[in-house]
Amino acid sequence: MSGLTVVLFTIALVLIAALLAAAVAGKIARLDGATYPAAFFRAATAFAAVLTLAAAVTAALATVLG
């Protein structure tokens, strides 16, 4: 498997995980009684948090391995 393929699969996996986390956060917010804008904001926050965590882990791994 080439390096580009691994990178693309990893990006796709991170995006899917971020979208799932956002969907769950939005659904839980709505079940908790939040308005649609508030639920959307919580979902966006969860999406950004997952992407930030993935970037931090990538930077840490690059430092350790590189």
Protein backbone atom coordinates (compact mmCIF):
# COMPACT_ATOMS: atom_id res chain seq x y z
CA MET A 1 0.00 0.00 0.00
CA SER A 2 1.47 3.35 -0.95
CA GLY A 3 1.94 6.21 1.49
CA LEU A 4 -0.64 8.36 -0.29
CA THR A 5 -3.28 5.65 0.07
CA VAL A 6 -2.63 5.36 3.80
CA VAL A 7 -2.89 9.13 4.21
CA LEU A 8 -6.16 9.31 2.26
CA PHE A 9 -7.70 6.42 4.23
CA THR A 10 -6.63 8.04 7.49
CA ILE A 11 -8.15 11.38 6.50
CA ALA A 12 -11.39 9.64 5.51
CA LEU A 13 -11.50 7.76 8.82
CA VAL A 14 -10.94 10.93 10.84
CA LEU A 15 -13.64 12.80 8.92
CA ILE A 16 -16.12 9.96 9.42
CA ALA A 17 -15.35 9.87 13.15
CA ALA A 18 -15.77 13.66 13.36
CA LEU A 19 -19.10 13.56 11.51
CA LEU A 20 -20.38 10.75 13.73
CA ALA A 21 -19.35 12.64 16.87
CA ALA A 22 -21.08 15.77 15.59
CA ALA A 23 -24.26 13.88 14.76
CA VAL A 24 -24.37 12.23 18.17
CA ALA A 25 -23.67 15.53 19.95
CA GLY A 26 -26.43 17.26 17.99
CA LYS A 27 -28.92 14.47 18.66
CA ILE A 28 -28.13 14.40 22.37
CA ALA A 29 -28.48 18.17 22.54
CA ARG A 30 -31.90 18.01 20.89
CA LEU A 31 -33.00 15.23 23.24
CA ASP A 32 -31.86 17.42 26.11
CA GLY A 33 -34.23 20.15 24.92
CA ALA A 34 -31.82 22.47 23.13
CA THR A 35 -33.06 24.57 20.23
CA TYR A 36 -31.94 23.72 16.71
CA PRO A 37 -29.32 26.53 16.60
CA ALA A 38 -27.92 25.47 19.98
CA ALA A 39 -27.81 21.82 18.92
CA PHE A 40 -26.08 22.77 15.68
CA PHE A 41 -23.52 24.79 17.65
CA ARG A 42 -22.83 21.82 19.94
CA ALA A 43 -22.46 19.56 16.92
CA ALA A 44 -20.04 21.99 15.28
CA THR A 45 -18.05 22.21 18.51
CA ALA A 46 -17.80 18.42 18.69
CA PHE A 47 -16.72 18.24 15.04
CA ALA A 48 -14.00 20.84 15.60
CA ALA A 49 -12.86 19.10 18.78
CA VAL A 50 -12.38 15.78 17.00
CA LEU A 51 -10.42 17.44 14.19
CA THR A 52 -8.29 19.34 16.72
CA LEU A 53 -7.57 16.15 18.64
CA ALA A 54 -6.61 14.36 15.43
CA ALA A 55 -4.24 17.20 14.51
CA ALA A 56 -2.66 17.13 17.97
CA VAL A 57 -2.14 13.37 17.82
CA THR A 58 -0.66 13.70 14.33
CA ALA A 59 1.75 16.40 15.49
CA ALA A 60 2.79 14.33 18.50
CA LEU A 61 3.37 11.25 16.36
CA ALA A 62 5.34 13.26 13.82
CA THR A 63 7.57 14.56 16.60
CA VAL A 64 8.13 11.10 18.09
CA LEU A 65 8.62 9.26 14.81
CA GLY A 66 10.41 11.97 12.87
